[in-house]
Amino acid sequence: MNPAPAKPLNTLADLTPAARQAIETKKISGSWNTKALLKLLGELQRWDLGVEERKKAAHKRVIGSGIAMVVSVFALFAFIIFEFWYIGLPITIGLIVFFVMSLRAEKALKAVDVPDEYRTIIRPLLRQLSQDIDPNEKVRVECDLAGTTEAKAKGTKDIGKFSYQSAKLTVYEDPLCHLRLTLLDGTEAVFSIDNTTHKVVGTKRNSRGKTKTKTKWKKVTTLTASLIPPQRLSWEVGKSQQLVDTRSEKITFAEKNGVMVAKLQKYYAFKSMGDEPTGTAPSSDATGLFVRLYALRPTAGGTR
């Protein structure tokens, strides 16, 4: 029988000090014991699930209260015409207040949200690799939990195109997470997730002079896995092209500190209209990057 899924965590008071600090500072850094890091990521997963549930409920309240507010404004005119404004006005004001409060609640939840990649990619990968990590070594971590923020914007430029009178492109660079760990055979494994998000806001006017705005998003996620062997060896470079899909992947070999480092990158693109894309890469792909790199290690007698 499968164990029951852990319940979501709904308040900061439910978190351990380490998890609370990660949520409040929006980062995880330093050297961690593997079990302690997995425990922290487990807490963040439960927190993220709780926030996702509350975000959905808050969004429904925003939509519902927004519709009710608009209807009440039109109804208020009827109340005024029939001289019952003292009934309609308090209702309309109450709905406006509730709408504003719903918007603020939704914004507050987004501020404490954790990027889904920690739940869908990083924790599953670390669990998969945990049996192969040297227990005497720490996992070095540098992770940013803030997601796409204006502080990460690299600038905005006018790209006016298509039928829009103006279109502005903003590019956000988000180095989401970087892990460096030592495996049982002495090999150093390095894994990172980087998001580059493009936001295009197009504005145009129709024949009646009304302004219409559309927002398009494109998020490019790059998964990078590197293996740094403990001694100099010759990778089976000839096999690499059989294991790499050049349409969305790139493999390189470079010498660093006297050893040849193998690096495999995989790219994903997620698009959406209105809100930022929520798609993430499959967790199995992250593990697969390391599996394919290990397949390029020389067989016995191939080291030099």
Protein backbone atom coordinates (compact mmCIF):
# COMPACT_ATOMS: atom_id res chain seq x y z
CA MET A 1 0.00 0.00 0.00
CA ASN A 2 1.33 3.42 -0.97
CA PRO A 3 1.75 5.91 1.89
CA ALA A 4 -0.71 8.79 2.02
CA PRO A 5 0.67 11.98 0.46
CA ALA A 6 1.97 14.55 2.92
CA LYS A 7 -0.44 17.36 3.71
CA PRO A 8 0.39 20.82 2.33
CA LEU A 9 1.88 23.39 4.69
CA ASN A 10 -0.26 26.54 4.85
CA THR A 11 1.45 28.96 7.23
CA LEU A 12 5.05 29.98 7.86
CA ALA A 13 4.60 28.79 11.45
CA ASP A 14 4.25 25.24 10.08
CA LEU A 15 7.78 25.37 8.64
CA THR A 16 11.11 24.55 10.24
CA PRO A 17 13.49 27.52 10.70
CA ALA A 18 15.53 26.46 7.64
CA ALA A 19 12.48 26.28 5.38
CA ARG A 20 11.09 29.53 6.77
CA GLN A 21 14.40 31.28 6.10
CA ALA A 22 14.45 29.95 2.53
CA ILE A 23 10.94 31.31 1.89
CA GLU A 24 11.64 34.69 3.48
CA THR A 25 15.09 35.26 1.91
CA LYS A 26 14.17 33.61 -1.40
CA LYS A 27 17.38 31.62 -1.52
CA ILE A 28 19.19 28.46 -0.46
CA SER A 29 22.97 28.56 -0.33
CA GLY A 30 25.98 26.97 1.29
CA SER A 31 27.08 23.38 1.85
CA TRP A 32 24.43 20.85 2.86
CA ASN A 33 24.23 17.29 4.06
CA THR A 34 22.25 15.35 1.44
CA LYS A 35 19.54 14.20 3.89
CA ALA A 36 19.13 17.70 5.33
CA LEU A 37 18.81 19.20 1.84
CA LEU A 38 16.24 16.58 0.82
CA LYS A 39 14.25 17.31 3.97
CA LEU A 40 14.31 21.03 3.20
CA LEU A 41 13.19 20.45 -0.40
CA GLY A 42 10.43 18.17 0.89
CA GLU A 43 9.15 20.96 3.11
CA LEU A 44 9.31 23.44 0.24
CA GLN A 45 7.35 21.01 -1.91
CA ARG A 46 4.57 20.78 0.67
CA TRP A 47 4.59 24.55 1.05
CA ASP A 48 4.41 25.01 -2.72
CA LEU A 49 1.46 22.62 -3.00
CA GLY A 50 -0.37 24.57 -0.29
CA VAL A 51 0.32 27.89 -2.02
CA GLU A 52 -0.86 26.49 -5.36
CA GLU A 53 -4.19 25.44 -3.82
CA ARG A 54 -4.67 28.85 -2.21
CA LYS A 55 -3.67 30.68 -5.41
CA LYS A 56 -6.37 28.81 -7.36
CA ALA A 57 -8.98 29.69 -4.73
CA ALA A 58 -7.82 33.33 -4.65
CA HIS A 59 -7.96 33.59 -8.44
CA LYS A 60 -11.53 32.28 -8.45
CA ARG A 61 -12.44 34.94 -5.87
CA VAL A 62 -10.85 37.64 -8.03
CA ILE A 63 -12.83 36.57 -11.09
CA GLY A 64 -16.08 36.13 -9.17
CA SER A 65 -15.83 39.41 -7.29
CA GLY A 66 -14.75 41.25 -10.44
CA ILE A 67 -17.82 40.08 -12.34
CA ALA A 68 -20.10 40.90 -9.40
CA MET A 69 -18.51 44.34 -9.08
CA VAL A 70 -19.11 45.19 -12.75
CA VAL A 71 -22.72 43.98 -12.55
CA SER A 72 -23.30 45.99 -9.38
CA VAL A 73 -21.99 49.19 -11.02
CA PHE A 74 -24.53 48.86 -13.83
CA ALA A 75 -27.25 47.92 -11.35
CA LEU A 76 -26.41 51.00 -9.30
CA PHE A 77 -27.68 53.22 -12.13
CA ALA A 78 -31.04 51.45 -11.94
CA PHE A 79 -31.11 51.93 -8.17
CA ILE A 80 -30.40 55.65 -8.66
CA ILE A 81 -33.12 56.02 -11.30
CA PHE A 82 -35.69 54.46 -8.97
CA GLU A 83 -34.28 56.43 -6.02
CA PHE A 84 -33.02 53.38 -4.16
CA TRP A 85 -29.37 54.49 -4.34
CA TYR A 86 -29.00 54.01 -0.56
CA ILE A 87 -29.43 50.26 -1.19
CA GLY A 88 -27.29 49.91 -4.30
CA LEU A 89 -24.39 52.14 -3.23
CA PRO A 90 -23.32 50.12 -0.12
CA ILE A 91 -23.53 46.87 -2.15
CA THR A 92 -21.34 48.31 -4.91
CA ILE A 93 -18.80 49.74 -2.45
CA GLY A 94 -18.68 46.42 -0.59
CA LEU A 95 -18.02 44.48 -3.80
CA ILE A 96 -15.30 46.93 -4.86
CA VAL A 97 -13.58 46.52 -1.48
CA PHE A 98 -13.87 42.73 -1.69
CA PHE A 99 -12.41 42.77 -5.22
CA VAL A 100 -9.42 44.87 -4.11
CA MET A 101 -8.84 42.61 -1.10
CA SER A 102 -8.97 39.53 -3.36
CA LEU A 103 -6.38 41.07 -5.69
CA ARG A 104 -4.08 41.85 -2.76
CA ALA A 105 -4.47 38.32 -1.38
CA GLU A 106 -3.57 36.81 -4.76
CA LYS A 107 -0.53 39.08 -5.04
CA ALA A 108 0.60 38.15 -1.51
CA LEU A 109 0.43 34.44 -2.36
CA LYS A 110 2.53 34.96 -5.50
CA ALA A 111 5.14 36.69 -3.33
CA VAL A 112 5.67 33.55 -1.20
CA ASP A 113 5.40 31.05 -4.05
CA VAL A 114 8.30 28.72 -4.87
CA PRO A 115 9.23 28.04 -8.52
CA ASP A 116 7.76 24.69 -9.58
CA GLU A 117 11.15 23.43 -10.75
CA TYR A 118 12.17 22.78 -7.14
CA ARG A 119 9.25 20.38 -6.78
CA THR A 120 9.28 18.85 -10.27
CA ILE A 121 13.00 18.64 -11.12
CA ILE A 122 15.50 19.40 -8.35
CA ARG A 123 14.09 17.26 -5.52
CA PRO A 124 13.43 14.20 -7.76
CA LEU A 125 16.95 14.48 -9.22
CA LEU A 126 18.60 14.71 -5.81
CA ARG A 127 16.60 11.70 -4.59
CA GLN A 128 17.73 9.71 -7.64
CA LEU A 129 21.38 10.62 -7.10
CA SER A 130 21.37 10.35 -3.28
CA GLN A 131 22.55 6.72 -3.26
CA ASP A 132 25.55 7.64 -5.41
CA ILE A 133 26.62 10.74 -3.48
CA ASP A 134 29.69 10.44 -1.23
CA PRO A 135 28.23 10.60 2.33
CA ASN A 136 31.40 12.29 3.57
CA GLU A 137 31.01 15.21 1.18
CA LYS A 138 28.58 18.12 1.26
CA VAL A 139 26.29 19.22 -1.54
CA ARG A 140 27.15 22.79 -2.53
CA VAL A 141 24.04 24.75 -3.32
CA GLU A 142 23.24 28.16 -4.78
CA CYS A 143 19.53 28.51 -5.50
CA ASP A 144 17.24 31.48 -6.14
CA LEU A 145 13.58 31.04 -5.14
CA ALA A 146 12.35 34.46 -6.25
CA GLY A 147 11.28 33.44 -9.76
CA THR A 148 10.86 36.05 -12.51
CA THR A 149 11.13 39.51 -10.94
CA GLU A 150 11.75 43.00 -12.28
CA ALA A 151 15.17 42.94 -10.63
CA LYS A 152 16.17 40.23 -13.13
CA ALA A 153 15.09 42.23 -16.17
CA LYS A 154 17.98 42.88 -18.56
CA GLY A 155 16.27 45.78 -20.25
CA THR A 156 13.24 46.65 -22.36
CA LYS A 157 13.22 47.65 -26.01
CA ASP A 158 10.60 48.62 -28.56
CA ILE A 159 10.20 45.90 -31.20
CA GLY A 160 6.94 47.20 -32.81
CA LYS A 161 5.75 44.38 -35.05
CA PHE A 162 2.71 42.65 -36.56
CA SER A 163 -0.53 44.64 -36.22
CA TYR A 164 0.47 46.35 -32.95
CA GLN A 165 1.17 50.06 -32.87
CA SER A 166 3.80 49.38 -30.22
CA ALA A 167 5.35 46.22 -28.83
CA LYS A 168 7.89 46.17 -26.03
CA LEU A 169 10.16 43.23 -25.25
CA THR A 170 11.55 42.63 -21.77
CA VAL A 171 14.05 39.81 -21.17
CA TYR A 172 14.51 38.26 -17.72
CA GLU A 173 17.55 36.13 -16.81
CA ASP A 174 16.92 33.76 -13.89
CA PRO A 175 19.76 31.45 -12.73
CA LEU A 176 17.34 29.26 -10.79
CA CYS A 177 19.57 26.66 -9.13
CA HIS A 178 23.14 25.35 -9.13
CA LEU A 179 24.13 22.10 -7.42
CA ARG A 180 27.62 20.66 -7.08
CA LEU A 181 28.08 17.24 -5.49
CA THR A 182 30.73 14.53 -5.20
CA LEU A 183 29.86 10.97 -6.21
CA LEU A 184 31.19 7.75 -4.67
CA ASP A 185 33.80 7.27 -7.40
CA GLY A 186 35.21 10.76 -6.82
CA THR A 187 33.54 12.32 -9.86
CA GLU A 188 32.06 15.76 -9.32
CA ALA A 189 28.56 16.17 -10.74
CA VAL A 190 27.29 19.68 -11.44
CA PHE A 191 23.69 20.47 -12.30
CA SER A 192 22.00 23.78 -13.01
CA ILE A 193 18.67 25.18 -14.20
CA ASP A 194 18.54 28.55 -15.95
CA ASN A 195 15.41 30.30 -17.19
CA THR A 196 15.40 33.04 -19.80
CA THR A 197 11.96 34.62 -20.08
CA HIS A 198 10.79 36.91 -22.89
CA LYS A 199 7.77 39.14 -22.25
CA VAL A 200 6.21 41.03 -25.15
CA VAL A 201 3.51 43.62 -24.42
CA GLY A 202 1.69 44.77 -27.54
CA THR A 203 -0.67 47.74 -27.65
CA LYS A 204 -3.00 48.91 -30.43
CA ARG A 205 -6.12 51.03 -30.90
CA ASN A 206 -9.26 49.91 -32.69
CA SER A 207 -11.43 52.01 -34.99
CA ARG A 208 -13.39 53.33 -32.01
CA GLY A 209 -10.26 54.60 -30.30
CA LYS A 210 -10.17 51.95 -27.57
CA THR A 211 -6.76 50.63 -26.54
CA LYS A 212 -6.17 46.88 -26.53
CA THR A 213 -3.18 45.27 -24.86
CA LYS A 214 -1.89 41.70 -25.17
CA THR A 215 0.97 40.08 -23.29
CA LYS A 216 2.89 37.15 -24.74
CA TRP A 217 5.40 35.09 -22.79
CA LYS A 218 8.12 32.66 -23.81
CA LYS A 219 10.25 30.87 -21.22
CA VAL A 220 13.38 29.03 -22.32
CA THR A 221 14.63 26.57 -19.72
CA THR A 222 18.17 25.19 -19.91
CA LEU A 223 19.14 22.08 -17.95
CA THR A 224 22.91 21.63 -17.69
CA ALA A 225 24.69 18.54 -16.38
CA SER A 226 28.47 18.29 -16.10
CA LEU A 227 30.79 15.52 -14.96
CA ILE A 228 34.28 16.36 -13.70
CA PRO A 229 36.34 13.15 -13.35
CA PRO A 230 38.83 12.78 -10.47
CA GLN A 231 41.64 12.04 -12.94
CA ARG A 232 42.40 12.64 -16.58
CA LEU A 233 40.52 10.35 -18.95
CA SER A 234 39.54 10.19 -22.61
CA TRP A 235 35.79 10.45 -23.12
CA GLU A 236 34.28 8.39 -25.92
CA VAL A 237 33.52 11.50 -27.94
CA GLY A 238 32.63 9.47 -31.03
CA LYS A 239 29.57 8.01 -29.28
CA SER A 240 28.25 11.40 -28.18
CA GLN A 241 26.46 12.21 -31.44
CA GLN A 242 24.45 9.00 -31.11
CA LEU A 243 23.22 10.04 -27.67
CA VAL A 244 22.45 13.69 -28.33
CA ASP A 245 19.48 15.26 -30.10
CA THR A 246 21.14 18.25 -31.76
CA ARG A 247 17.76 19.96 -32.26
CA SER A 248 17.42 20.67 -28.55
CA GLU A 249 20.68 19.52 -26.95
CA LYS A 250 24.35 20.42 -26.96
CA ILE A 251 27.35 18.48 -25.67
CA THR A 252 30.82 19.91 -25.13
CA PHE A 253 34.15 18.68 -23.79
CA ALA A 254 36.61 21.16 -22.29
CA GLU A 255 39.80 20.83 -20.28
CA LYS A 256 39.71 22.34 -16.80
CA ASN A 257 42.41 22.01 -14.14
CA GLY A 258 44.10 19.21 -16.05
CA VAL A 259 41.01 17.02 -16.61
CA MET A 260 38.48 16.84 -19.43
CA VAL A 261 35.00 17.99 -18.34
CA ALA A 262 31.92 16.71 -20.17
CA LYS A 263 28.86 18.99 -20.28
CA LEU A 264 25.43 18.19 -21.70
CA GLN A 265 22.70 20.82 -22.05
CA LYS A 266 19.04 20.43 -22.95
CA TYR A 267 16.68 23.25 -23.90
CA TYR A 268 12.91 23.64 -23.53
CA ALA A 269 10.51 26.39 -24.61
CA PHE A 270 7.18 27.20 -22.96
CA LYS A 271 4.77 29.82 -24.34
CA SER A 272 1.64 31.44 -22.97
CA MET A 273 -0.67 34.43 -23.31
CA GLY A 274 -1.52 36.73 -20.42
CA ASP A 275 0.26 35.02 -17.55
CA GLU A 276 3.80 33.70 -17.28
CA PRO A 277 4.23 30.07 -18.47
CA THR A 278 4.02 27.43 -15.75
CA GLY A 279 5.48 24.50 -17.71
CA THR A 280 8.61 22.73 -16.48
CA ALA A 281 10.97 20.15 -17.93
CA PRO A 282 10.31 16.47 -17.05
CA SER A 283 12.24 15.34 -13.98
CA SER A 284 13.36 12.18 -15.80
CA ASP A 285 15.25 14.30 -18.33
CA ALA A 286 17.50 15.73 -15.62
CA THR A 287 18.54 12.25 -14.49
CA GLY A 288 18.86 11.18 -18.11
CA LEU A 289 21.50 13.84 -18.77
CA PHE A 290 23.83 12.25 -16.20
CA VAL A 291 23.05 8.72 -17.40
CA ARG A 292 24.07 9.63 -20.95
CA LEU A 293 27.24 11.39 -19.78
CA TYR A 294 28.27 8.31 -17.80
CA ALA A 295 27.72 6.23 -20.93
CA LEU A 296 30.54 8.22 -22.55
CA ARG A 297 33.08 7.33 -19.89
CA PRO A 298 35.79 4.98 -21.20
CA THR A 299 35.60 1.28 -20.43
CA ALA A 300 38.26 -0.45 -18.31
CA GLY A 301 41.70 0.34 -19.62
CA GLY A 302 40.50 3.49 -21.36
CA THR A 303 41.89 5.97 -18.85
CA ARG A 304 45.12 7.77 -19.34
